[in-house]
Amino acid sequence: PPPTPPPTGGCNVEVEVDCTSDLSEDGTCSTLIPIVTRCDKRADNLVMKFNGGDCSQSFNIQEADLFDCTDYNGGHQQPDPVYIIVTARKDTGDLYFEGFVEVGNEFELNCDSGCDKIEADSTVTIYKDKPDFADPDQVELLRVQESNFHTSCSQNLFLKDRFGAVQLVEFTNTLQGTVDCFLNTTFGYTITNEGAAQGGVITDFFSIRNGDFIDLLEETDLEVGSVISPDQVVEAQEFVLIDMTVQQEYVTTTSIIAETPGGVACTDMATLTFKAGNPLPPSVIPPTDAPTALP
């Protein structure tokens, strides 16, 4: 018998991925410009990130009479949320923040509780759990870290400065406005139909970025059932906030799955890799021996 003819209506979709930003040397995410910004006027509010860990993570150039950090009861070692209180150093009645915070989360120092302004020096106290402040023994037992640092911006205070387990990631003042450590980037996806004469119908579209699953059918304008006509090029965008406080490699693998109206399925993958963020500071003793880079 004659050979069976090849099937018609084959499916062949291709996907490409890139990352762009206005704040890079060549427009791509591989050359994102590190952010190093000094606070030059007393801040109306400060946003801190709770990294967890002990005082050895401290990284700043404040003088020893302005900054100190002490670990208690073994320091912070738990994955559970901690209870943080931030007050003025000279007057603990000036409360800037109080509450539970999880590792990796942010909290804001401000005068919403009624103080006039964030004073020149502040104290951050971290507890394993919320203590009964009427019980001094319990307070001491639950305390894991206490740090003091200068917060008026008349002395050295930079984004990314670390004071024990907490790190400055944003400030707002009347001179500089709001300044933070995060950059907006755009992940662009280009999908091309290279084969399906009757069009390719998208059945799934997703990325895996550093182990996290991103459903691109939710993040973009595409949806299940979107048709890509023969030789059509479809572009989609995902807006991603890059954390510049820690240098890390970003690996994004994108997959597109489609099929023809006749049920012939196909898939394609593309991977984008780049590194962004400032290098981690070295662990140093005393902590203030490692300077923050100047702008």
Protein backbone atom coordinates (compact mmCIF):
# COMPACT_ATOMS: atom_id res chain seq x y z
CA PRO A 1 0.00 0.00 0.00
CA PRO A 2 1.14 3.57 -0.56
CA PRO A 3 2.69 5.38 2.44
CA THR A 4 0.37 7.23 4.75
CA PRO A 5 0.48 10.95 3.96
CA PRO A 6 1.71 13.23 6.75
CA PRO A 7 -1.03 14.77 8.88
CA THR A 8 -2.30 18.16 7.88
CA GLY A 9 -3.08 21.09 10.12
CA GLY A 10 0.11 20.72 12.17
CA CYS A 11 0.59 22.83 15.28
CA ASN A 12 3.72 24.89 15.87
CA VAL A 13 3.67 27.85 18.27
CA GLU A 14 6.78 29.64 19.45
CA VAL A 15 7.27 31.86 22.51
CA GLU A 16 10.01 34.35 23.37
CA VAL A 17 10.49 36.25 26.63
CA ASP A 18 12.44 39.41 27.49
CA CYS A 19 12.63 41.87 30.38
CA THR A 20 12.99 45.64 30.03
CA SER A 21 13.20 48.67 32.30
CA ASP A 22 13.67 52.41 31.90
CA LEU A 23 16.20 52.30 34.74
CA SER A 24 18.90 50.23 33.06
CA GLU A 25 21.99 50.96 31.01
CA ASP A 26 20.71 49.41 27.77
CA GLY A 27 16.99 49.03 28.47
CA THR A 28 17.22 45.36 29.49
CA CYS A 29 16.96 43.88 32.97
CA SER A 30 20.50 42.48 32.75
CA THR A 31 21.89 46.01 33.30
CA LEU A 32 19.52 47.36 35.98
CA ILE A 33 21.17 50.26 37.77
CA PRO A 34 21.67 49.59 41.51
CA ILE A 35 19.84 52.05 43.74
CA VAL A 36 21.93 53.66 46.46
CA THR A 37 20.24 56.73 47.88
CA ARG A 38 20.96 58.72 51.01
CA CYS A 39 18.18 60.28 53.07
CA ASP A 40 19.00 64.01 53.05
CA LYS A 41 16.18 65.48 55.14
CA ARG A 42 14.23 64.31 58.19
CA ALA A 43 11.78 61.66 57.03
CA ASP A 44 8.04 61.81 57.57
CA ASN A 45 8.00 58.02 57.47
CA LEU A 46 10.45 55.16 57.06
CA VAL A 47 9.64 51.69 55.71
CA MET A 48 11.68 48.84 57.13
CA LYS A 49 11.97 45.24 55.94
CA PHE A 50 12.25 42.49 58.55
CA ASN A 51 14.95 40.12 57.31
CA GLY A 52 15.29 38.14 60.51
CA GLY A 53 18.63 36.96 61.89
CA ASP A 54 21.07 38.40 64.38
CA CYS A 55 23.09 41.60 64.76
CA SER A 56 25.93 40.34 62.54
CA GLN A 57 23.80 41.27 59.51
CA SER A 58 24.12 44.97 60.35
CA PHE A 59 25.52 47.06 57.50
CA ASN A 60 25.78 50.85 57.82
CA ILE A 61 28.29 53.63 58.43
CA GLN A 62 26.71 55.27 61.45
CA GLU A 63 29.13 56.04 64.26
CA ALA A 64 29.28 53.80 67.33
CA ASP A 65 27.55 56.46 69.47
CA LEU A 66 24.60 56.46 67.05
CA PHE A 67 24.21 52.77 66.22
CA ASP A 68 24.37 49.67 68.40
CA CYS A 69 22.73 46.26 68.26
CA THR A 70 22.43 43.56 70.92
CA ASP A 71 21.07 40.03 70.64
CA TYR A 72 19.29 38.42 73.60
CA ASN A 73 18.33 34.83 74.33
CA GLY A 74 20.18 33.52 71.28
CA GLY A 75 18.94 36.21 68.91
CA HIS A 76 16.23 35.80 66.28
CA GLN A 77 16.15 32.21 65.00
CA GLN A 78 12.46 31.42 64.51
CA PRO A 79 10.43 31.30 61.28
CA ASP A 80 7.29 32.46 63.10
CA PRO A 81 6.18 36.12 63.17
CA VAL A 82 7.84 38.29 65.79
CA TYR A 83 6.52 41.24 67.78
CA ILE A 84 8.31 44.51 66.99
CA ILE A 85 8.13 47.83 68.81
CA VAL A 86 9.85 50.97 67.50
CA THR A 87 10.05 54.10 69.64
CA ALA A 88 12.12 57.23 70.08
CA ARG A 89 15.33 56.33 71.91
CA LYS A 90 14.99 59.13 74.48
CA ASP A 91 11.23 58.87 74.96
CA THR A 92 9.63 55.44 74.58
CA GLY A 93 6.26 57.19 74.69
CA ASP A 94 6.88 58.30 71.11
CA LEU A 95 5.67 55.17 69.34
CA TYR A 96 6.44 54.71 65.63
CA PHE A 97 5.35 51.08 65.18
CA GLU A 98 4.03 48.15 67.20
CA GLY A 99 2.83 44.79 65.90
CA PHE A 100 3.57 41.32 64.56
CA VAL A 101 5.79 41.05 61.47
CA GLU A 102 6.74 38.00 59.41
CA VAL A 103 10.20 37.44 57.94
CA GLY A 104 10.41 39.17 54.57
CA ASN A 105 7.57 41.59 55.31
CA GLU A 106 7.73 45.36 55.68
CA PHE A 107 6.49 47.72 58.36
CA GLU A 108 6.27 51.51 58.47
CA LEU A 109 7.59 53.94 61.07
CA ASN A 110 5.45 57.05 61.36
CA CYS A 111 3.78 59.40 63.83
CA ASP A 112 0.22 58.17 63.33
CA SER A 113 0.07 57.42 67.07
CA GLY A 114 0.32 61.12 67.88
CA CYS A 115 4.02 62.03 68.11
CA ASP A 116 5.18 65.27 66.48
CA LYS A 117 7.97 63.82 64.34
CA ILE A 118 10.36 60.90 64.04
CA GLU A 119 13.10 61.85 66.47
CA ALA A 120 16.84 61.86 65.80
CA ASP A 121 17.40 58.43 67.35
CA SER A 122 15.11 55.40 67.39
CA THR A 123 15.05 52.03 69.15
CA VAL A 124 13.83 48.79 67.55
CA THR A 125 12.99 45.98 69.97
CA ILE A 126 12.12 42.51 68.67
CA TYR A 127 10.32 39.86 70.76
CA LYS A 128 9.60 36.19 70.04
CA ASP A 129 5.99 36.91 70.91
CA LYS A 130 3.96 39.78 72.34
CA PRO A 131 4.96 39.96 76.00
CA ASP A 132 2.93 41.03 78.99
CA PHE A 133 4.68 44.32 79.60
CA ALA A 134 3.52 44.27 83.21
CA ASP A 135 5.74 41.20 83.71
CA PRO A 136 9.43 42.28 83.46
CA ASP A 137 10.65 38.67 83.57
CA GLN A 138 8.51 37.73 80.58
CA VAL A 139 9.65 40.82 78.70
CA GLU A 140 13.30 39.84 79.18
CA LEU A 141 12.62 36.21 78.31
CA LEU A 142 10.90 37.06 75.01
CA ARG A 143 13.25 39.80 73.86
CA VAL A 144 15.60 38.60 71.10
CA GLN A 145 17.14 41.82 69.77
CA GLU A 146 17.39 45.55 70.41
CA SER A 147 19.02 48.10 68.13
CA ASN A 148 19.43 51.86 68.24
CA PHE A 149 20.17 53.97 65.19
CA HIS A 150 20.00 57.55 63.91
CA THR A 151 16.79 58.34 62.02
CA SER A 152 16.74 62.12 61.46
CA CYS A 153 18.81 61.92 58.23
CA SER A 154 21.23 64.58 59.50
CA GLN A 155 23.77 61.75 59.76
CA ASN A 156 24.48 58.83 57.41
CA LEU A 157 21.26 56.99 56.58
CA PHE A 158 21.00 55.14 53.27
CA LEU A 159 18.52 52.85 51.58
CA LYS A 160 19.54 49.22 52.16
CA ASP A 161 21.21 50.05 55.49
CA ARG A 162 20.78 47.14 57.87
CA PHE A 163 20.34 47.48 61.61
CA GLY A 164 20.37 43.94 62.93
CA ALA A 165 17.33 42.09 61.61
CA VAL A 166 15.71 45.16 60.02
CA GLN A 167 16.61 47.05 56.84
CA LEU A 168 15.61 50.47 55.48
CA VAL A 169 13.85 50.03 52.11
CA GLU A 170 11.88 53.28 51.70
CA PHE A 171 11.68 56.81 53.07
CA THR A 172 9.57 59.88 52.39
CA ASN A 173 10.50 63.49 53.08
CA THR A 174 9.64 66.93 51.70
CA LEU A 175 12.96 67.26 49.85
CA GLN A 176 13.23 63.93 48.01
CA GLY A 177 9.66 62.67 48.02
CA THR A 178 9.24 58.90 48.31
CA VAL A 179 12.38 56.90 47.55
CA ASP A 180 12.50 53.09 47.67
CA CYS A 181 14.63 50.09 46.72
CA PHE A 182 12.36 48.55 44.10
CA LEU A 183 12.32 48.86 40.33
CA ASN A 184 9.43 48.37 37.93
CA THR A 185 10.23 45.98 35.09
CA THR A 186 8.25 44.67 32.15
CA PHE A 187 8.40 41.04 31.09
CA GLY A 188 7.44 40.86 27.41
CA TYR A 189 6.14 37.69 25.77
CA THR A 190 6.01 37.17 22.01
CA ILE A 191 3.95 34.26 20.69
CA THR A 192 4.09 33.27 17.02
CA ASN A 193 2.01 30.73 15.10
CA GLU A 194 4.50 29.00 12.81
CA GLY A 195 2.39 26.09 11.65
CA ALA A 196 -1.33 25.79 12.31
CA ALA A 197 -3.05 26.76 9.06
CA GLN A 198 -6.38 27.13 10.82
CA GLY A 199 -4.94 28.93 13.81
CA GLY A 200 -3.59 27.78 17.14
CA VAL A 201 -5.87 27.89 20.18
CA ILE A 202 -4.11 28.65 23.47
CA THR A 203 -4.85 26.10 26.19
CA ASP A 204 -2.25 27.17 28.77
CA PHE A 205 0.36 29.89 29.24
CA PHE A 206 2.57 30.16 32.33
CA SER A 207 6.02 30.88 33.72
CA ILE A 208 8.15 29.45 36.50
CA ARG A 209 10.27 32.24 38.02
CA ASN A 210 12.78 31.22 40.68
CA GLY A 211 10.52 28.32 41.62
CA ASP A 212 7.29 30.35 41.73
CA PHE A 213 4.42 29.57 39.35
CA ILE A 214 2.98 32.56 37.44
CA ASP A 215 -0.30 32.05 35.60
CA LEU A 216 0.20 34.33 32.59
CA LEU A 217 -3.42 33.87 31.58
CA GLU A 218 -4.22 35.91 34.71
CA GLU A 219 -1.32 38.36 34.43
CA THR A 220 -1.79 39.23 30.73
CA ASP A 221 -4.65 39.93 28.32
CA LEU A 222 -4.54 36.41 26.88
CA GLU A 223 -6.99 33.70 27.92
CA VAL A 224 -7.81 30.06 27.28
CA GLY A 225 -9.30 29.91 23.79
CA SER A 226 -7.37 32.87 22.39
CA VAL A 227 -6.64 32.11 18.74
CA ILE A 228 -3.32 32.85 17.07
CA SER A 229 -3.87 33.04 13.33
CA PRO A 230 -1.33 31.70 10.80
CA ASP A 231 1.89 33.76 10.90
CA GLN A 232 0.32 36.05 13.51
CA VAL A 233 2.54 37.52 16.22
CA VAL A 234 0.89 38.13 19.60
CA GLU A 235 2.60 40.19 22.29
CA ALA A 236 1.71 40.23 25.99
CA GLN A 237 3.20 42.00 29.02
CA GLU A 238 3.62 41.24 32.71
CA PHE A 239 4.68 44.00 35.12
CA VAL A 240 7.08 42.81 37.80
CA LEU A 241 8.57 44.66 40.79
CA ILE A 242 12.24 43.73 41.29
CA ASP A 243 13.62 43.88 44.84
CA MET A 244 17.02 45.58 44.59
CA THR A 245 17.92 45.14 48.26
CA VAL A 246 19.51 41.74 47.62
CA GLN A 247 21.45 40.64 44.57
CA GLN A 248 19.98 37.48 43.09
CA GLU A 249 19.62 35.65 39.82
CA TYR A 250 16.22 35.67 38.17
CA VAL A 251 15.44 32.63 36.04
CA THR A 252 12.13 32.67 34.13
CA THR A 253 11.02 29.69 32.07
CA THR A 254 7.89 30.38 30.02
CA SER A 255 5.68 27.71 28.44
CA ILE A 256 2.93 28.05 25.85
CA ILE A 257 0.56 25.18 25.10
CA ALA A 258 -1.84 25.29 22.15
CA GLU A 259 -3.76 23.04 19.79
CA THR A 260 -5.38 23.30 16.36
CA PRO A 261 -9.15 23.16 15.91
CA GLY A 262 -8.50 19.60 14.79
CA GLY A 263 -6.98 18.69 18.14
CA VAL A 264 -3.28 18.59 17.20
CA ALA A 265 -1.35 19.84 20.26
CA CYS A 266 1.97 21.64 20.49
CA THR A 267 4.08 23.44 23.05
CA ASP A 268 7.14 25.68 23.27
CA MET A 269 9.40 26.96 26.04
CA ALA A 270 11.78 29.88 26.46
CA THR A 271 14.10 30.78 29.33
CA LEU A 272 15.38 34.20 30.40
CA THR A 273 18.12 34.62 33.02
CA PHE A 274 19.56 37.81 34.50
CA LYS A 275 21.06 39.05 37.76
CA ALA A 276 19.83 42.17 39.56
CA GLY A 277 20.25 43.92 42.91
CA ASN A 278 23.15 45.00 45.07
CA PRO A 279 25.59 42.42 46.46
CA LEU A 280 24.91 41.18 49.97
CA PRO A 281 27.04 42.94 52.57
CA PRO A 282 29.68 40.84 54.33
CA SER A 283 29.07 39.78 57.92
CA VAL A 284 31.46 41.88 59.99
CA ILE A 285 32.24 42.37 63.68
CA PRO A 286 31.80 45.10 64.75
CA PRO A 287 28.93 45.61 62.26
CA THR A 288 29.81 49.21 61.41
CA ASP A 289 33.13 48.14 59.88
CA ALA A 290 31.33 47.42 56.58
CA PRO A 291 30.42 50.74 54.93
CA THR A 292 27.42 51.36 52.75
CA ALA A 293 28.46 52.44 49.26
CA LEU A 294 27.92 56.13 48.60
CA PRO A 295 25.55 57.21 45.81
